[in-house]
């Protein structure tokens, strides 16, 4: 048995393998972390299967749906294996309920939920795509926030999980807890800085970490106005916002609460300290 730890947008991830296939993928602090991993397992970060898994995860967290999984070999009972095969049938960006899986297997939602929670290969065997009755985000061993993060990445609007509407996929981003210990190489861009006390030129809320003239490649978390370099003019089209000008962005924000209709599901309310 072999293992390695890699950073990810949801925090540190532990991979395990028998040398040819992936036998485990656990998120940091998840329930049943490293369950079944031999205490004598050797750390082997250069193992080819770990490289394949890391490349798959990089593609996935970039906002894509990788077509082919690396070899998987999860250990479990016959019933658990049957449930995990059902999970692999759920397409990226779609969800199933515990009740629907139970009906397909001729079992009970409780039994299915127990098997789902013991899934040893998170993300690749997508247990995060299983929801409770009415679309509730329940029963994820890695934590509800990570489940919400993964579903949002796949384009599932968790704010309206009962209807499970597809939205624009946001692409690479990081949970706050994952940013703290991420070892960025010198030539890699750092994550966006935390909001400061300077007003966004679109919505006016104090979400910029630096003055407008110094703001480069920053996306306002309230209205989602985006610009590589903020232009002082109000009628300069912005490629990042589909050719919308700053004046048009402000008008759309007042009408929709976001600079573009396809981003409405991702905006958030301003924090008390961001209100002018």
Protein backbone atom coordinates (compact mmCIF):
# COMPACT_ATOMS: atom_id res chain seq x y z
CA UNK A 1 0.00 0.00 0.00
CA UNK A 2 1.15 3.52 -0.81
CA UNK A 3 -0.08 7.03 -0.01
CA UNK A 4 0.64 10.69 -0.62
CA UNK A 5 -0.86 14.06 0.34
CA UNK A 6 -1.56 16.80 -2.20
CA UNK A 7 -3.03 20.32 -1.86
CA UNK A 8 -6.38 21.14 -3.44
CA UNK A 9 -9.02 23.89 -3.45
CA UNK A 10 -10.89 21.99 -0.71
CA UNK A 11 -7.83 21.48 1.47
CA UNK A 12 -5.24 18.74 1.78
CA UNK A 13 -6.19 15.48 0.05
CA UNK A 14 -4.77 12.05 0.93
CA UNK A 15 -4.44 9.54 -1.89
CA UNK A 16 -3.92 5.80 -1.38
CA UNK A 17 -3.06 3.08 -3.88
CA UNK A 18 -2.17 -0.59 -4.19
CA UNK A 19 0.46 0.40 -6.74
CA UNK A 20 -1.72 0.26 -9.86
CA UNK A 21 -5.15 1.65 -8.92
CA UNK A 22 -6.46 4.32 -6.57
CA UNK A 23 -7.87 2.75 -3.40
CA UNK A 24 -8.54 5.90 -1.37
CA UNK A 25 -9.07 9.65 -1.62
CA UNK A 26 -9.96 11.42 1.61
CA UNK A 27 -10.51 15.11 2.28
CA UNK A 28 -8.83 16.69 5.27
CA UNK A 29 -10.84 16.20 8.49
CA UNK A 30 -13.50 14.08 6.81
CA UNK A 31 -15.30 11.32 8.65
CA UNK A 32 -13.62 7.92 8.24
CA UNK A 33 -10.41 9.64 7.10
CA UNK A 34 -7.90 7.07 5.78
CA UNK A 35 -10.17 4.20 6.86
CA UNK A 36 -8.65 0.93 5.66
CA UNK A 37 -5.25 2.45 4.90
CA UNK A 38 -2.50 0.17 6.15
CA UNK A 39 -0.52 1.89 8.95
CA UNK A 40 2.60 0.51 7.27
CA UNK A 41 1.76 2.10 3.91
CA UNK A 42 4.72 3.81 2.28
CA UNK A 43 4.70 7.44 1.21
CA UNK A 44 5.27 7.48 -2.55
CA UNK A 45 4.43 10.86 -4.14
CA UNK A 46 6.03 9.84 -7.48
CA UNK A 47 3.76 6.81 -8.00
CA UNK A 48 2.27 7.05 -11.55
CA UNK A 49 -1.29 6.46 -10.36
CA UNK A 50 -0.97 9.42 -7.99
CA UNK A 51 0.20 11.57 -10.89
CA UNK A 52 -2.84 10.48 -12.94
CA UNK A 53 -5.18 11.25 -10.05
CA UNK A 54 -3.58 14.67 -9.48
CA UNK A 55 -3.93 15.57 -13.17
CA UNK A 56 -7.59 14.50 -13.09
CA UNK A 57 -8.21 16.66 -10.02
CA UNK A 58 -6.43 19.65 -11.59
CA UNK A 59 -8.70 19.39 -14.63
CA UNK A 60 -11.79 18.94 -12.45
CA UNK A 61 -11.05 21.92 -10.19
CA UNK A 62 -10.37 24.04 -13.29
CA UNK A 63 -14.10 23.72 -13.98
CA UNK A 64 -14.05 20.83 -16.45
CA UNK A 65 -15.64 17.37 -16.41
CA UNK A 66 -12.73 14.99 -17.11
CA UNK A 67 -14.04 12.22 -19.39
CA UNK A 68 -12.02 9.27 -18.03
CA UNK A 69 -11.24 8.33 -14.45
CA UNK A 70 -7.89 6.87 -13.40
CA UNK A 71 -8.09 3.18 -12.35
CA UNK A 72 -10.13 2.79 -9.15
CA UNK A 73 -10.20 -0.14 -6.72
CA UNK A 74 -12.24 0.73 -3.60
CA UNK A 75 -12.53 -2.00 -0.97
CA UNK A 76 -16.01 -2.69 0.39
CA UNK A 77 -18.86 -5.16 0.78
CA UNK A 78 -20.93 -6.31 -2.20
CA UNK A 79 -23.71 -3.88 -1.25
CA UNK A 80 -21.28 -0.97 -0.83
CA UNK A 81 -19.74 -1.75 -4.21
CA UNK A 82 -23.23 -1.73 -5.78
CA UNK A 83 -23.96 1.70 -4.26
CA UNK A 84 -20.61 3.10 -5.38
CA UNK A 85 -21.24 1.88 -8.93
CA UNK A 86 -24.52 3.80 -8.84
CA UNK A 87 -22.62 6.93 -7.79
CA UNK A 88 -20.34 6.57 -10.80
CA UNK A 89 -23.44 6.67 -13.01
CA UNK A 90 -24.40 10.19 -11.83
CA UNK A 91 -23.13 12.63 -14.50
CA UNK A 92 -21.07 15.66 -13.57
CA UNK A 93 -23.38 18.57 -12.74
CA UNK A 94 -26.34 16.33 -11.91
CA UNK A 95 -27.61 14.91 -8.64
CA UNK A 96 -29.64 12.01 -7.24
CA UNK A 97 -31.42 11.59 -3.91
CA UNK A 98 -30.78 8.82 -1.42
CA UNK A 99 -34.36 7.72 -2.04
CA UNK A 100 -33.83 7.42 -5.80
CA UNK A 101 -30.67 5.35 -5.30
CA UNK A 102 -32.46 3.15 -2.77
CA UNK A 103 -35.32 2.52 -5.20
CA UNK A 104 -32.87 1.59 -7.97
CA UNK A 105 -31.12 -0.89 -5.66
CA UNK A 106 -34.24 -2.24 -3.96
CA UNK A 107 -32.92 -1.09 -0.60
CA UNK A 108 -33.61 1.60 2.00
CA UNK A 109 -32.36 5.21 2.00
CA UNK A 110 -30.70 4.58 5.38
CA UNK A 111 -28.69 1.62 4.05
CA UNK A 112 -27.71 3.57 0.96
CA UNK A 113 -26.72 6.57 3.06
CA UNK A 114 -24.47 4.40 5.19
CA UNK A 115 -22.72 3.01 2.10
CA UNK A 116 -22.37 6.48 0.59
CA UNK A 117 -20.78 7.85 3.77
CA UNK A 118 -18.19 5.02 3.70
CA UNK A 119 -17.15 5.76 0.12
CA UNK A 120 -13.33 5.60 0.29
CA UNK A 121 -12.65 7.56 -2.92
CA UNK A 122 -14.24 11.00 -2.57
CA UNK A 123 -14.83 13.30 -5.57
CA UNK A 124 -13.89 10.66 -8.18
CA UNK A 125 -16.65 8.39 -6.88
CA UNK A 126 -19.02 11.36 -6.57
CA UNK A 127 -20.88 10.87 -3.29
CA UNK A 128 -21.21 14.68 -3.14
CA UNK A 129 -23.85 14.40 -5.90
CA UNK A 130 -26.29 12.62 -3.58
CA UNK A 131 -28.85 14.86 -1.86
CA UNK A 132 -31.45 14.39 0.83
CA UNK A 133 -35.18 14.71 0.32
CA UNK A 134 -36.08 18.07 -1.24
CA UNK A 135 -32.50 18.65 -2.34
CA UNK A 136 -31.00 19.19 1.11
CA UNK A 137 -27.20 19.12 1.37
CA UNK A 138 -26.97 16.46 4.02
CA UNK A 139 -24.88 13.42 4.79
CA UNK A 140 -21.48 14.31 3.33
CA UNK A 141 -18.50 12.88 5.23
CA UNK A 142 -16.28 15.73 4.05
CA UNK A 143 -18.60 18.43 5.43
CA UNK A 144 -21.54 20.37 4.01
CA UNK A 145 -19.46 23.37 2.91
CA UNK A 146 -17.18 21.17 0.82
CA UNK A 147 -20.21 19.46 -0.68
CA UNK A 148 -21.70 22.84 -1.58
CA UNK A 149 -18.34 23.92 -3.04
CA UNK A 150 -18.06 20.81 -5.27
CA UNK A 151 -21.65 21.07 -6.50
CA UNK A 152 -21.25 24.77 -7.24
CA UNK A 153 -18.06 23.99 -9.15
CA UNK A 154 -20.06 21.53 -11.27
CA UNK A 155 -22.74 24.11 -11.99
CA UNK A 156 -25.45 23.04 -9.54
CA UNK A 157 -27.10 26.08 -7.97
CA UNK A 158 -27.23 24.95 -4.33
CA UNK A 159 -29.19 28.06 -3.34
CA UNK A 160 -32.08 26.51 -5.26
CA UNK A 161 -31.15 22.90 -4.70
CA UNK A 162 -34.76 21.75 -4.80
CA UNK A 163 -34.91 22.64 -8.49
CA UNK A 164 -31.25 21.84 -9.17
CA UNK A 165 -30.88 24.43 -11.90
CA UNK A 166 -27.66 24.43 -13.91
CA UNK A 167 -25.64 27.63 -13.76
CA UNK A 168 -22.37 28.82 -15.27
CA UNK A 169 -19.52 26.85 -13.71
CA UNK A 170 -17.21 29.18 -11.75
CA UNK A 171 -13.90 27.38 -12.39
CA UNK A 172 -10.82 27.33 -10.19
CA UNK A 173 -11.30 28.85 -6.73
CA UNK A 174 -10.37 27.89 -3.17
CA UNK A 175 -12.17 27.40 0.09
CA UNK A 176 -10.71 29.79 2.69
CA UNK A 177 -9.34 26.92 4.79
CA UNK A 178 -7.57 25.51 1.73
CA UNK A 179 -5.83 28.81 0.93
CA UNK A 180 -4.00 28.98 4.26
CA UNK A 181 -1.56 26.14 3.63
CA UNK A 182 -1.42 26.08 -0.17
CA UNK A 183 2.23 25.94 -1.34
CA UNK A 184 2.18 28.23 -4.39
CA UNK A 185 5.18 28.16 -6.70
CA UNK A 186 6.82 31.58 -7.33
CA UNK A 187 5.35 31.85 -10.83
CA UNK A 188 1.82 30.90 -9.84
CA UNK A 189 -0.78 33.63 -9.16
CA UNK A 190 -1.82 34.06 -5.56
CA UNK A 191 -5.48 33.73 -4.63
CA UNK A 192 -7.48 36.99 -4.64
CA UNK A 193 -6.77 39.08 -1.54
CA UNK A 194 -9.43 39.45 1.11
CA UNK A 195 -11.76 42.42 0.55
CA UNK A 196 -10.41 45.71 1.85
CA UNK A 197 -12.02 49.09 2.42
CA UNK A 198 -12.13 50.65 -1.05
CA UNK A 199 -15.32 50.94 -3.12
CA UNK A 200 -15.97 48.80 -6.18
CA UNK A 201 -16.41 51.10 -9.23
CA UNK A 202 -19.56 49.19 -10.18
CA UNK A 203 -21.66 48.54 -7.07
CA UNK A 204 -19.97 51.03 -4.75
CA UNK A 205 -19.54 48.60 -1.86
CA UNK A 206 -16.14 48.57 -0.14
CA UNK A 207 -14.91 45.23 -1.49
CA UNK A 208 -11.62 46.24 -3.14
CA UNK A 209 -8.40 45.45 -1.24
CA UNK A 210 -6.61 48.45 -2.80
CA UNK A 211 -7.66 51.79 -4.35
CA UNK A 212 -9.41 51.50 -7.70
CA UNK A 213 -6.38 52.81 -9.61
CA UNK A 214 -4.26 49.96 -8.21
CA UNK A 215 -6.85 47.19 -8.55
CA UNK A 216 -5.73 44.56 -11.06
CA UNK A 217 -7.59 41.36 -11.94
CA UNK A 218 -10.02 41.66 -9.05
CA UNK A 219 -13.60 40.38 -9.05
CA UNK A 220 -16.05 42.10 -6.73
CA UNK A 221 -17.76 39.43 -4.59
CA UNK A 222 -20.92 41.52 -4.28
CA UNK A 223 -21.73 42.46 -7.90
CA UNK A 224 -19.08 40.28 -9.64
CA UNK A 225 -17.76 43.15 -11.76
CA UNK A 226 -14.46 41.99 -13.26
CA UNK A 227 -11.64 43.87 -14.93
CA UNK A 228 -7.99 43.21 -15.63
CA UNK A 229 -7.27 46.90 -15.04
CA UNK A 230 -10.01 49.29 -13.95
CA UNK A 231 -10.53 51.97 -16.54
CA UNK A 232 -11.32 55.48 -15.24
CA UNK A 233 -13.88 55.98 -17.98
CA UNK A 234 -17.45 54.81 -17.58
CA UNK A 235 -18.14 53.93 -21.21
CA UNK A 236 -15.15 51.72 -22.01
CA UNK A 237 -16.30 48.18 -22.99
CA UNK A 238 -14.88 45.38 -20.86
CA UNK A 239 -14.03 42.04 -22.48
CA UNK A 240 -14.22 40.33 -19.08
CA UNK A 241 -17.87 41.40 -18.77
CA UNK A 242 -18.97 40.44 -22.29
CA UNK A 243 -18.35 43.92 -23.66
CA UNK A 244 -20.42 45.65 -20.99
CA UNK A 245 -19.35 49.15 -19.97
CA UNK A 246 -19.03 50.24 -16.37
CA UNK A 247 -22.16 52.40 -16.73
CA UNK A 248 -24.10 49.42 -18.10
CA UNK A 249 -22.75 47.24 -15.31
CA UNK A 250 -24.06 49.63 -12.67
CA UNK A 251 -27.49 49.75 -14.32
CA UNK A 252 -27.65 45.96 -14.52
CA UNK A 253 -26.51 45.62 -10.91
CA UNK A 254 -29.30 47.92 -9.74
CA UNK A 255 -31.83 45.88 -11.73
CA UNK A 256 -30.59 42.30 -11.12
CA UNK A 257 -28.18 42.48 -8.18
CA UNK A 258 -25.31 41.36 -10.42
CA UNK A 259 -23.53 42.74 -13.47
CA UNK A 260 -24.75 39.85 -15.64
CA UNK A 261 -27.84 37.67 -15.45
CA UNK A 262 -25.80 34.45 -15.58
CA UNK A 263 -23.94 35.50 -12.41
CA UNK A 264 -26.97 36.25 -10.22
CA UNK A 265 -26.68 32.89 -8.47
CA UNK A 266 -23.12 33.62 -7.31
CA UNK A 267 -23.40 37.09 -5.79
CA UNK A 268 -23.52 37.62 -2.04
CA UNK A 269 -24.86 40.35 0.21
CA UNK A 270 -22.30 42.95 1.33
CA UNK A 271 -20.77 42.51 4.77
CA UNK A 272 -21.55 45.22 7.35
CA UNK A 273 -18.04 46.64 7.05
CA UNK A 274 -18.38 46.89 3.26
CA UNK A 275 -21.39 49.18 3.30
CA UNK A 276 -20.33 52.82 2.59
